[in-house]
Amino acid sequence: MSNQRAAQRKSVLTLDIWQDILQHFVSYALLLLVVMSAFLVIYYTHVNRQTTSELEQLFTQRDELDIEWRNLLLEQNSLAEHSTIESKAMKLLNMKRPDTKSEIIITLK
């Protein structure tokens, strides 16, 4: 008899637990959704911070490349000046300006 009563108490207890779970199912579901929402907020905040950090690094890289490009433009302009080209031609290639006697003028008809 005691085994029967223990089994009966167990089944009644299990039934009571299930009835309690079913009665408060909406509350448990909402609690689970709140916890999941909190973890999603944490995750997306982390992703947002990482993306913002990467964006800042890209802005810094863009600024550095912009400065380098401006310096290269200045260098190109200084190298393209006639006097610079002439002096390099004289120094490196041993070239000189032709005198008027060595000039030949060709006219096309």
PDB file of N, CA and C in Angstrom:
ATOM      1  N   MET A   1       0.791  -1.191   0.000  1.00  0.00           N
ATOM      2  CA  MET A   1       0.000   0.000   0.000  1.00  0.00           C
ATOM      3  C   MET A   1       0.844   1.270   0.000  1.00  0.00           C
ATOM      4  N   SER A   2       1.930   1.245   0.745  1.00  0.00           N
ATOM      5  CA  SER A   2       2.753   2.447   0.810  1.00  0.00           C
ATOM      6  C   SER A   2       3.397   2.746  -0.544  1.00  0.00           C
ATOM      7  N   ASN A   3       3.724   1.691  -1.295  1.00  0.00           N
ATOM      8  CA  ASN A   3       4.269   1.899  -2.649  1.00  0.00           C
ATOM      9  C   ASN A   3       3.218   2.528  -3.547  1.00  0.00           C
ATOM     10  N   GLN A   4       1.986   2.081  -3.360  1.00  0.00           N
ATOM     11  CA  GLN A   4       0.898   2.624  -4.165  1.00  0.00           C
ATOM     12  C   GLN A   4       0.669   4.090  -3.824  1.00  0.00           C
ATOM     13  N   ARG A   5       0.710   4.403  -2.528  1.00  0.00           N
ATOM     14  CA  ARG A   5       0.509   5.795  -2.114  1.00  0.00           C
ATOM     15  C   ARG A   5       1.664   6.675  -2.595  1.00  0.00           C
ATOM     16  N   ALA A   6       2.874   6.151  -2.539  1.00  0.00           N
ATOM     17  CA  ALA A   6       4.033   6.918  -3.009  1.00  0.00           C
ATOM     18  C   ALA A   6       3.922   7.169  -4.512  1.00  0.00           C
ATOM     19  N   ALA A   7       3.515   6.156  -5.251  1.00  0.00           N
ATOM     20  CA  ALA A   7       3.339   6.301  -6.696  1.00  0.00           C
ATOM     21  C   ALA A   7       2.215   7.284  -6.987  1.00  0.00           C
ATOM     22  N   GLN A   8       1.140   7.205  -6.178  1.00  0.00           N
ATOM     23  CA  GLN A   8       0.006   8.103  -6.378  1.00  0.00           C
ATOM     24  C   GLN A   8       0.419   9.544  -6.057  1.00  0.00           C
ATOM     25  N   ARG A   9       1.180   9.728  -4.973  1.00  0.00           N
ATOM     26  CA  ARG A   9       1.664  11.070  -4.615  1.00  0.00           C
ATOM     27  C   ARG A   9       2.576  11.621  -5.709  1.00  0.00           C
ATOM     28  N   LYS A  10       3.432  10.737  -6.253  1.00  0.00           N
ATOM     29  CA  LYS A  10       4.338  11.153  -7.331  1.00  0.00           C
ATOM     30  C   LYS A  10       3.547  11.619  -8.548  1.00  0.00           C
ATOM     31  N   SER A  11       2.543  10.857  -8.924  1.00  0.00           N
ATOM     32  CA  SER A  11       1.755  11.220 -10.095  1.00  0.00           C
ATOM     33  C   SER A  11       0.955  12.485  -9.836  1.00  0.00           C
ATOM     34  N   VAL A  12       0.459  12.646  -8.599  1.00  0.00           N
ATOM     35  CA  VAL A  12      -0.283  13.865  -8.260  1.00  0.00           C
ATOM     36  C   VAL A  12       0.659  15.057  -8.273  1.00  0.00           C
ATOM     37  N   LEU A  13       1.855  14.875  -7.739  1.00  0.00           N
ATOM     38  CA  LEU A  13       2.839  15.953  -7.727  1.00  0.00           C
ATOM     39  C   LEU A  13       3.234  16.334  -9.149  1.00  0.00           C
ATOM     40  N   THR A  14       3.476  15.327  -9.982  1.00  0.00           N
ATOM     41  CA  THR A  14       3.825  15.592 -11.387  1.00  0.00           C
ATOM     42  C   THR A  14       2.681  16.309 -12.083  1.00  0.00           C
ATOM     43  N   LEU A  15       1.471  15.869 -11.830  1.00  0.00           N
ATOM     44  CA  LEU A  15       0.300  16.509 -12.428  1.00  0.00           C
ATOM     45  C   LEU A  15       0.168  17.953 -11.950  1.00  0.00           C
ATOM     46  N   ASP A  16       0.402  18.191 -10.669  1.00  0.00           N
ATOM     47  CA  ASP A  16       0.335  19.556 -10.130  1.00  0.00           C
ATOM     48  C   ASP A  16       1.400  20.458 -10.765  1.00  0.00           C
ATOM     49  N   ILE A  17       2.601  19.900 -10.937  1.00  0.00           N
ATOM     50  CA  ILE A  17       3.682  20.690 -11.564  1.00  0.00           C
ATOM     51  C   ILE A  17       3.305  21.059 -12.993  1.00  0.00           C
ATOM     52  N   TRP A  18       2.794  20.087 -13.742  1.00  0.00           N
ATOM     53  CA  TRP A  18       2.400  20.364 -15.131  1.00  0.00           C
ATOM     54  C   TRP A  18       1.251  21.364 -15.186  1.00  0.00           C
ATOM     55  N   GLN A  19       0.308  21.254 -14.296  1.00  0.00           N
ATOM     56  CA  GLN A  19      -0.795  22.214 -14.262  1.00  0.00           C
ATOM     57  C   GLN A  19      -0.279  23.613 -13.942  1.00  0.00           C
ATOM     58  N   ASP A  20       0.680  23.691 -13.021  1.00  0.00           N
ATOM     59  CA  ASP A  20       1.281  24.985 -12.678  1.00  0.00           C
ATOM     60  C   ASP A  20       2.026  25.567 -13.875  1.00  0.00           C
ATOM     61  N   ILE A  21       2.784  24.713 -14.579  1.00  0.00           N
ATOM     62  CA  ILE A  21       3.533  25.177 -15.764  1.00  0.00           C
ATOM     63  C   ILE A  21       2.560  25.662 -16.833  1.00  0.00           C
ATOM     64  N   LEU A  22       1.511  24.902 -17.090  1.00  0.00           N
ATOM     65  CA  LEU A  22       0.538  25.291 -18.104  1.00  0.00           C
ATOM     66  C   LEU A  22      -0.222  26.549 -17.693  1.00  0.00           C
ATOM     67  N   GLN A  23      -0.503  26.681 -16.405  1.00  0.00           N
ATOM     68  CA  GLN A  23      -1.225  27.854 -15.931  1.00  0.00           C
ATOM     69  C   GLN A  23      -0.378  29.120 -16.099  1.00  0.00           C
ATOM     70  N   HIS A  24       0.933  29.016 -15.890  1.00  0.00           N
ATOM     71  CA  HIS A  24       1.823  30.176 -15.980  1.00  0.00           C
ATOM     72  C   HIS A  24       2.683  30.146 -17.241  1.00  0.00           C
ATOM     73  N   PHE A  25       2.218  29.435 -18.252  1.00  0.00           N
ATOM     74  CA  PHE A  25       2.998  29.289 -19.486  1.00  0.00           C
ATOM     75  C   PHE A  25       3.313  30.634 -20.124  1.00  0.00           C
ATOM     76  N   VAL A  26       2.349  31.519 -20.186  1.00  0.00           N
ATOM     77  CA  VAL A  26       2.549  32.841 -20.795  1.00  0.00           C
ATOM     78  C   VAL A  26       3.615  33.612 -20.027  1.00  0.00           C
ATOM     79  N   SER A  27       3.585  33.542 -18.719  1.00  0.00           N
ATOM     80  CA  SER A  27       4.595  34.249 -17.912  1.00  0.00           C
ATOM     81  C   SER A  27       5.993  33.692 -18.182  1.00  0.00           C
ATOM     82  N   TYR A  28       6.094  32.365 -18.244  1.00  0.00           N
ATOM     83  CA  TYR A  28       7.403  31.751 -18.515  1.00  0.00           C
ATOM     84  C   TYR A  28       7.893  32.106 -19.927  1.00  0.00           C
ATOM     85  N   ALA A  29       6.978  32.099 -20.877  1.00  0.00           N
ATOM     86  CA  ALA A  29       7.354  32.441 -22.248  1.00  0.00           C
ATOM     87  C   ALA A  29       7.822  33.897 -22.327  1.00  0.00           C
ATOM     88  N   LEU A  30       7.107  34.778 -21.662  1.00  0.00           N
ATOM     89  CA  LEU A  30       7.522  36.191 -21.655  1.00  0.00           C
ATOM     90  C   LEU A  30       8.862  36.369 -20.962  1.00  0.00           C
ATOM     91  N   LEU A  31       9.093  35.646 -19.872  1.00  0.00           N
ATOM     92  CA  LEU A  31      10.383  35.712 -19.180  1.00  0.00           C
ATOM     93  C   LEU A  31      11.506  35.253 -20.108  1.00  0.00           C
ATOM     94  N   LEU A  32      11.272  34.162 -20.808  1.00  0.00           N
ATOM     95  CA  LEU A  32      12.271  33.660 -21.754  1.00  0.00           C
ATOM     96  C   LEU A  32      12.536  34.679 -22.863  1.00  0.00           C
ATOM     97  N   LEU A  33      11.495  35.295 -23.375  1.00  0.00           N
ATOM     98  CA  LEU A  33      11.662  36.307 -24.423  1.00  0.00           C
ATOM     99  C   LEU A  33      12.421  37.531 -23.914  1.00  0.00           C
ATOM    100  N   VAL A  34      12.175  37.935 -22.679  1.00  0.00           N
ATOM    101  CA  VAL A  34      12.896  39.073 -22.095  1.00  0.00           C
ATOM    102  C   VAL A  34      14.380  38.757 -21.963  1.00  0.00           C
ATOM    103  N   VAL A  35      14.700  37.557 -21.502  1.00  0.00           N
ATOM    104  CA  VAL A  35      16.104  37.158 -21.351  1.00  0.00           C
ATOM    105  C   VAL A  35      16.782  37.092 -22.724  1.00  0.00           C
ATOM    106  N   MET A  36      16.091  36.503 -23.701  1.00  0.00           N
ATOM    107  CA  MET A  36      16.666  36.438 -25.055  1.00  0.00           C
ATOM    108  C   MET A  36      16.861  37.831 -25.625  1.00  0.00           C
ATOM    109  N   SER A  37      15.910  38.710 -25.401  1.00  0.00           N
ATOM    110  CA  SER A  37      16.024  40.092 -25.874  1.00  0.00           C
ATOM    111  C   SER A  37      17.224  40.791 -25.236  1.00  0.00           C
ATOM    112  N   ALA A  38      17.440  40.565 -23.956  1.00  0.00           N
ATOM    113  CA  ALA A  38      18.579  41.180 -23.268  1.00  0.00           C
ATOM    114  C   ALA A  38      19.899  40.701 -23.871  1.00  0.00           C
ATOM    115  N   PHE A  39      19.998  39.398 -24.138  1.00  0.00           N
ATOM    116  CA  PHE A  39      21.229  38.888 -24.742  1.00  0.00           C
ATOM    117  C   PHE A  39      21.422  39.415 -26.157  1.00  0.00           C
ATOM    118  N   LEU A  40      20.339  39.568 -26.899  1.00  0.00           N
ATOM    119  CA  LEU A  40      20.457  40.128 -28.246  1.00  0.00           C
ATOM    120  C   LEU A  40      20.894  41.588 -28.206  1.00  0.00           C
ATOM    121  N   VAL A  41      20.412  42.336 -27.241  1.00  0.00           N
ATOM    122  CA  VAL A  41      20.848  43.734 -27.088  1.00  0.00           C
ATOM    123  C   VAL A  41      22.339  43.789 -26.798  1.00  0.00           C
ATOM    124  N   ILE A  42      22.796  42.921 -25.923  1.00  0.00           N
ATOM    125  CA  ILE A  42      24.229  42.865 -25.604  1.00  0.00           C
ATOM    126  C   ILE A  42      25.038  42.516 -26.851  1.00  0.00           C
ATOM    127  N   TYR A  43      24.593  41.518 -27.599  1.00  0.00           N
ATOM    128  CA  TYR A  43      25.318  41.083 -28.795  1.00  0.00           C
ATOM    129  C   TYR A  43      25.385  42.192 -29.836  1.00  0.00           C
ATOM    130  N   TYR A  44      24.250  42.816 -30.134  1.00  0.00           N
ATOM    131  CA  TYR A  44      24.244  43.842 -31.174  1.00  0.00           C
ATOM    132  C   TYR A  44      24.960  45.113 -30.734  1.00  0.00           C
ATOM    133  N   THR A  45      24.984  45.389 -29.444  1.00  0.00           N
ATOM    134  CA  THR A  45      25.794  46.509 -28.953  1.00  0.00           C
ATOM    135  C   THR A  45      27.272  46.229 -29.193  1.00  0.00           C
ATOM    136  N   HIS A  46      27.689  44.998 -28.947  1.00  0.00           N
ATOM    137  CA  HIS A  46      29.083  44.610 -29.195  1.00  0.00           C
ATOM    138  C   HIS A  46      29.422  44.725 -30.684  1.00  0.00           C
ATOM    139  N   VAL A  47      28.535  44.220 -31.540  1.00  0.00           N
ATOM    140  CA  VAL A  47      28.761  44.293 -32.988  1.00  0.00           C
ATOM    141  C   VAL A  47      28.830  45.747 -33.434  1.00  0.00           C
ATOM    142  N   ASN A  48      27.961  46.579 -32.901  1.00  0.00           N
ATOM    143  CA  ASN A  48      27.953  47.996 -33.255  1.00  0.00           C
ATOM    144  C   ASN A  48      29.261  48.675 -32.854  1.00  0.00           C
ATOM    145  N   ARG A  49      29.772  48.356 -31.679  1.00  0.00           N
ATOM    146  CA  ARG A  49      31.040  48.951 -31.234  1.00  0.00           C
ATOM    147  C   ARG A  49      32.197  48.506 -32.109  1.00  0.00           C
ATOM    148  N   GLN A  50      32.205  47.229 -32.488  1.00  0.00           N
ATOM    149  CA  GLN A  50      33.266  46.745 -33.379  1.00  0.00           C
ATOM    150  C   GLN A  50      33.201  47.444 -34.730  1.00  0.00           C
ATOM    151  N   THR A  51      32.003  47.582 -35.273  1.00  0.00           N
ATOM    152  CA  THR A  51      31.836  48.222 -36.572  1.00  0.00           C
ATOM    153  C   THR A  51      32.242  49.688 -36.511  1.00  0.00           C
ATOM    154  N   THR A  52      31.884  50.362 -35.427  1.00  0.00           N
ATOM    155  CA  THR A  52      32.271  51.760 -35.257  1.00  0.00           C
ATOM    156  C   THR A  52      33.788  51.888 -35.173  1.00  0.00           C
ATOM    157  N   SER A  53      34.428  50.967 -34.483  1.00  0.00           N
ATOM    158  CA  SER A  53      35.888  50.988 -34.381  1.00  0.00           C
ATOM    159  C   SER A  53      36.539  50.787 -35.754  1.00  0.00           C
ATOM    160  N   GLU A  54      36.018  49.842 -36.518  1.00  0.00           N
ATOM    161  CA  GLU A  54      36.544  49.607 -37.869  1.00  0.00           C
ATOM    162  C   GLU A  54      36.332  50.840 -38.749  1.00  0.00           C
ATOM    163  N   LEU A  55      35.186  51.490 -38.605  1.00  0.00           N
ATOM    164  CA  LEU A  55      34.903  52.697 -39.386  1.00  0.00           C
ATOM    165  C   LEU A  55      35.895  53.807 -39.050  1.00  0.00           C
ATOM    166  N   GLU A  56      36.185  53.980 -37.780  1.00  0.00           N
ATOM    167  CA  GLU A  56      37.159  54.995 -37.369  1.00  0.00           C
ATOM    168  C   GLU A  56      38.545  54.689 -37.944  1.00  0.00           C
ATOM    169  N   GLN A  57      38.931  53.413 -37.950  1.00  0.00           N
ATOM    170  CA  GLN A  57      40.221  53.034 -38.531  1.00  0.00           C
ATOM    171  C   GLN A  57      40.243  53.336 -40.031  1.00  0.00           C
ATOM    172  N   LEU A  58      39.140  53.077 -40.705  1.00  0.00           N
ATOM    173  CA  LEU A  58      39.071  53.363 -42.141  1.00  0.00           C
ATOM    174  C   LEU A  58      39.122  54.861 -42.410  1.00  0.00           C
ATOM    175  N   PHE A  59      38.477  55.672 -41.556  1.00  0.00           N
ATOM    176  CA  PHE A  59      38.561  57.117 -41.712  1.00  0.00           C
ATOM    177  C   PHE A  59      39.996  57.599 -41.528  1.00  0.00           C
ATOM    178  N   THR A  60      40.689  57.045 -40.546  1.00  0.00           N
ATOM    179  CA  THR A  60      42.085  57.415 -40.318  1.00  0.00           C
ATOM    180  C   THR A  60      42.948  57.029 -41.517  1.00  0.00           C
ATOM    181  N   GLN A  61      42.725  55.835 -42.043  1.00  0.00           N
ATOM    182  CA  GLN A  61      43.478  55.380 -43.217  1.00  0.00           C
ATOM    183  C   GLN A  61      43.178  56.272 -44.421  1.00  0.00           C
ATOM    184  N   ARG A  62      41.915  56.662 -44.582  1.00  0.00           N
ATOM    185  CA  ARG A  62      41.554  57.544 -45.691  1.00  0.00           C
ATOM    186  C   ARG A  62      42.274  58.890 -45.568  1.00  0.00           C
ATOM    187  N   ASP A  63      42.325  59.437 -44.347  1.00  0.00           N
ATOM    188  CA  ASP A  63      43.000  60.715 -44.137  1.00  0.00           C
ATOM    189  C   ASP A  63      44.493  60.598 -44.442  1.00  0.00           C
ATOM    190  N   GLU A  64      45.114  59.493 -44.016  1.00  0.00           N
ATOM    191  CA  GLU A  64      46.536  59.290 -44.301  1.00  0.00           C
ATOM    192  C   GLU A  64      46.787  59.180 -45.796  1.00  0.00           C
ATOM    193  N   LEU A  65      45.924  58.458 -46.500  1.00  0.00           N
ATOM    194  CA  LEU A  65      46.072  58.329 -47.957  1.00  0.00           C
ATOM    195  C   LEU A  65      45.833  59.661 -48.659  1.00  0.00           C
ATOM    196  N   ASP A  66      44.920  60.462 -48.133  1.00  0.00           N
ATOM    197  CA  ASP A  66      44.665  61.781 -48.708  1.00  0.00           C
ATOM    198  C   ASP A  66      45.891  62.672 -48.557  1.00  0.00           C
ATOM    199  N   ILE A  67      46.532  62.623 -47.395  1.00  0.00           N
ATOM    200  CA  ILE A  67      47.750  63.416 -47.175  1.00  0.00           C
ATOM    201  C   ILE A  67      48.864  62.943 -48.106  1.00  0.00           C
ATOM    202  N   GLU A  68      49.018  61.632 -48.240  1.00  0.00           N
ATOM    203  CA  GLU A  68      50.043  61.095 -49.132  1.00  0.00           C
ATOM    204  C   GLU A  68      49.778  61.505 -50.574  1.00  0.00           C
ATOM    205  N   TRP A  69      48.512  61.480 -50.991  1.00  0.00           N
ATOM    206  CA  TRP A  69      48.165  61.875 -52.361  1.00  0.00           C
ATOM    207  C   TRP A  69      48.499  63.347 -52.611  1.00  0.00           C
ATOM    208  N   ARG A  70      48.197  64.209 -51.638  1.00  0.00           N
ATOM    209  CA  ARG A  70      48.524  65.631 -51.785  1.00  0.00           C
ATOM    210  C   ARG A  70      50.032  65.839 -51.872  1.00  0.00           C
ATOM    211  N   ASN A  71      50.780  65.098 -51.061  1.00  0.00           N
ATOM    212  CA  ASN A  71      52.242  65.217 -51.135  1.00  0.00           C
ATOM    213  C   ASN A  71      52.773  64.753 -52.485  1.00  0.00           C
ATOM    214  N   LEU A  72      52.189  63.694 -53.013  1.00  0.00           N
ATOM    215  CA  LEU A  72      52.613  63.212 -54.333  1.00  0.00           C
ATOM    216  C   LEU A  72      52.263  64.213 -55.421  1.00  0.00           C
ATOM    217  N   LEU A  73      51.127  64.888 -55.302  1.00  0.00           N
ATOM    218  CA  LEU A  73      50.782  65.924 -56.280  1.00  0.00           C
ATOM    219  C   LEU A  73      51.781  67.080 -56.222  1.00  0.00           C
ATOM    220  N   LEU A  74      52.153  67.476 -55.020  1.00  0.00           N
ATOM    221  CA  LEU A  74      53.153  68.546 -54.884  1.00  0.00           C
ATOM    222  C   LEU A  74      54.488  68.123 -55.485  1.00  0.00           C
ATOM    223  N   GLU A  75      54.882  66.883 -55.228  1.00  0.00           N
ATOM    224  CA  GLU A  75      56.137  66.385 -55.790  1.00  0.00           C
ATOM    225  C   GLU A  75      56.067  66.326 -57.312  1.00  0.00           C
ATOM    226  N   GLN A  76      54.922  65.880 -57.833  1.00  0.00           N
ATOM    227  CA  GLN A  76      54.762  65.813 -59.283  1.00  0.00           C
ATOM    228  C   GLN A  76      54.846  67.206 -59.894  1.00  0.00           C
ATOM    229  N   ASN A  77      54.220  68.181 -59.279  1.00  0.00           N
ATOM    230  CA  ASN A  77      54.271  69.558 -59.802  1.00  0.00           C
ATOM    231  C   ASN A  77      55.683  70.117 -59.759  1.00  0.00           C
ATOM    232  N   SER A  78      56.402  69.823 -58.691  1.00  0.00           N
ATOM    233  CA  SER A  78      57.767  70.347 -58.608  1.00  0.00           C
ATOM    234  C   SER A  78      58.686  69.661 -59.613  1.00  0.00           C
ATOM    235  N   LEU A  79      58.459  68.356 -59.862  1.00  0.00           N
ATOM    236  CA  LEU A  79      59.295  67.655 -60.834  1.00  0.00           C
ATOM    237  C   LEU A  79      58.949  68.033 -62.271  1.00  0.00           C
ATOM    238  N   ALA A  80      57.739  68.468 -62.489  1.00  0.00           N
ATOM    239  CA  ALA A  80      57.314  68.811 -63.847  1.00  0.00           C
ATOM    240  C   ALA A  80      57.728  70.221 -64.253  1.00  0.00           C
ATOM    241  N   GLU A  81      58.273  70.993 -63.354  1.00  0.00           N
ATOM    242  CA  GLU A  81      58.716  72.351 -63.716  1.00  0.00           C
ATOM    243  C   GLU A  81      59.861  72.277 -64.721  1.00  0.00           C
ATOM    244  N   HIS A  82      59.873  73.211 -65.640  1.00  0.00           N
ATOM    245  CA  HIS A  82      60.852  73.209 -66.720  1.00  0.00           C
ATOM    246  C   HIS A  82      62.287  73.290 -66.192  1.00  0.00           C
ATOM    247  N   SER A  83      62.510  74.106 -65.200  1.00  0.00           N
ATOM    248  CA  SER A  83      63.865  74.269 -64.676  1.00  0.00           C
ATOM    249  C   SER A  83      64.370  72.972 -64.035  1.00  0.00           C
ATOM    250  N   THR A  84      63.500  72.239 -63.385  1.00  0.00           N
ATOM    251  CA  THR A  84      63.893  70.974 -62.764  1.00  0.00           C
ATOM    252  C   THR A  84      64.269  69.953 -63.824  1.00  0.00           C
ATOM    253  N   ILE A  85      63.453  69.870 -64.847  1.00  0.00           N
ATOM    254  CA  ILE A  85      63.731  68.927 -65.932  1.00  0.00           C
ATOM    255  C   ILE A  85      65.036  69.298 -66.630  1.00  0.00           C
ATOM    256  N   GLU A  86      65.215  70.574 -66.873  1.00  0.00           N
ATOM    257  CA  GLU A  86      66.439  71.026 -67.548  1.00  0.00           C
ATOM    258  C   GLU A  86      67.686  70.736 -66.708  1.00  0.00           C
ATOM    259  N   SER A  87      67.620  71.002 -65.417  1.00  0.00           N
ATOM    260  CA  SER A  87      68.799  70.766 -64.579  1.00  0.00           C
ATOM    261  C   SER A  87      69.100  69.272 -64.457  1.00  0.00           C
ATOM    262  N   LYS A  88      68.077  68.427 -64.383  1.00  0.00           N
ATOM    263  CA  LYS A  88      68.316  66.975 -64.321  1.00  0.00           C
ATOM    264  C   LYS A  88      68.882  66.465 -65.646  1.00  0.00           C
ATOM    265  N   ALA A  89      68.393  67.005 -66.742  1.00  0.00           N
ATOM    266  CA  ALA A  89      68.918  66.592 -68.048  1.00  0.00           C
ATOM    267  C   ALA A  89      70.392  66.969 -68.158  1.00  0.00           C
ATOM    268  N   MET A  90      70.761  68.119 -67.667  1.00  0.00           N
ATOM    269  CA  MET A  90      72.162  68.541 -67.714  1.00  0.00           C
ATOM    270  C   MET A  90      73.037  67.693 -66.791  1.00  0.00           C
ATOM    271  N   LYS A  91      72.564  67.419 -65.589  1.00  0.00           N
ATOM    272  CA  LYS A  91      73.376  66.694 -64.618  1.00  0.00           C
ATOM    273  C   LYS A  91      73.443  65.195 -64.914  1.00  0.00           C
ATOM    274  N   LEU A  92      72.318  64.585 -65.127  1.00  0.00           N
ATOM    275  CA  LEU A  92      72.283  63.132 -65.256  1.00  0.00           C
ATOM    276  C   LEU A  92      72.613  62.634 -66.658  1.00  0.00           C
ATOM    277  N   LEU A  93      72.191  63.370 -67.679  1.00  0.00           N
ATOM    278  CA  LEU A  93      72.364  62.901 -69.058  1.00  0.00           C
ATOM    279  C   LEU A  93      73.428  63.673 -69.838  1.00  0.00           C
ATOM    280  N   ASN A  94      74.047  64.628 -69.170  1.00  0.00           N
ATOM    281  CA  ASN A  94      75.058  65.476 -69.810  1.00  0.00           C
ATOM    282  C   ASN A  94      74.526  66.136 -71.073  1.00  0.00           C
ATOM    283  N   MET A  95      73.309  66.589 -71.034  1.00  0.00           N
ATOM    284  CA  MET A  95      72.706  67.288 -72.169  1.00  0.00           C
ATOM    285  C   MET A  95      72.944  68.775 -72.008  1.00  0.00           C
ATOM    286  N   LYS A  96      72.882  69.483 -73.113  1.00  0.00           N
ATOM    287  CA  LYS A  96      73.006  70.943 -73.068  1.00  0.00           C
ATOM    288  C   LYS A  96      72.089  71.545 -74.115  1.00  0.00           C
ATOM    289  N   ARG A  97      71.844  72.854 -73.962  1.00  0.00           N
ATOM    290  CA  ARG A  97      70.986  73.547 -74.926  1.00  0.00           C
ATOM    291  C   ARG A  97      71.753  73.715 -76.230  1.00  0.00           C
ATOM    292  N   PRO A  98      71.065  73.492 -77.334  1.00  0.00           N
ATOM    293  CA  PRO A  98      71.755  73.696 -78.615  1.00  0.00           C
ATOM    294  C   PRO A  98      71.977  75.193 -78.858  1.00  0.00           C
ATOM    295  N   ASP A  99      73.125  75.503 -79.464  1.00  0.00           N
ATOM    296  CA  ASP A  99      73.366  76.904 -79.800  1.00  0.00           C
ATOM    297  C   ASP A  99      72.713  77.216 -81.150  1.00  0.00           C
ATOM    298  N   THR A 100      72.689  78.488 -81.521  1.00  0.00           N
ATOM    299  CA  THR A 100      71.961  78.896 -82.725  1.00  0.00           C
ATOM    300  C   THR A 100      72.599  78.343 -83.995  1.00  0.00           C
ATOM    301  N   LYS A 101      73.885  78.049 -83.972  1.00  0.00           N
ATOM    302  CA  LYS A 101      74.559  77.530 -85.162  1.00  0.00           C
ATOM    303  C   LYS A 101      74.181  76.073 -85.434  1.00  0.00           C
ATOM    304  N   SER A 102      73.878  75.329 -84.399  1.00  0.00           N
ATOM    305  CA  SER A 102      73.566  73.921 -84.592  1.00  0.00           C
ATOM    306  C   SER A 102      72.062  73.680 -84.799  1.00  0.00           C
ATOM    307  N   GLU A 103      71.257  74.707 -84.724  1.00  0.00           N
ATOM    308  CA  GLU A 103      69.820  74.559 -84.931  1.00  0.00           C
ATOM    309  C   GLU A 103      69.513  74.500 -86.409  1.00  0.00           C
ATOM    310  N   ILE A 104      68.614  73.608 -86.775  1.00  0.00           N
ATOM    311  CA  ILE A 104      68.149  73.486 -88.160  1.00  0.00           C
ATOM    312  C   ILE A 104      66.641  73.646 -88.142  1.00  0.00           C
ATOM    313  N   ILE A 105      66.143  74.555 -88.913  1.00  0.00           N
ATOM    314  CA  ILE A 105      64.721  74.815 -88.973  1.00  0.00           C
ATOM    315  C   ILE A 105      64.156  74.178 -90.230  1.00  0.00           C
ATOM    316  N   ILE A 106      63.139  73.385 -90.078  1.00  0.00           N
ATOM    317  CA  ILE A 106      62.508  72.689 -91.215  1.00  0.00           C
ATOM    318  C   ILE A 106      61.128  73.272 -91.406  1.00  0.00           C
ATOM    319  N   THR A 107      60.818  73.622 -92.601  1.00  0.00           N
ATOM    320  CA  THR A 107      59.486  74.138 -92.896  1.00  0.00           C
ATOM    321  C   THR A 107      58.760  73.149 -93.792  1.00  0.00           C
ATOM    322  N   LEU A 108      57.509  72.998 -93.554  1.00  0.00           N
ATOM    323  CA  LEU A 108      56.691  72.082 -94.330  1.00  0.00           C
ATOM    324  C   LEU A 108      55.866  72.885 -95.338  1.00  0.00           C
ATOM    325  N   LYS A 109      55.770  72.373 -96.533  1.00  0.00           N
ATOM    326  CA  LYS A 109      55.001  73.075 -97.559  1.00  0.00           C
ATOM    327  C   LYS A 109      53.738  72.344 -97.861  1.00  0.00           C
TER     328      LYS A 109
END
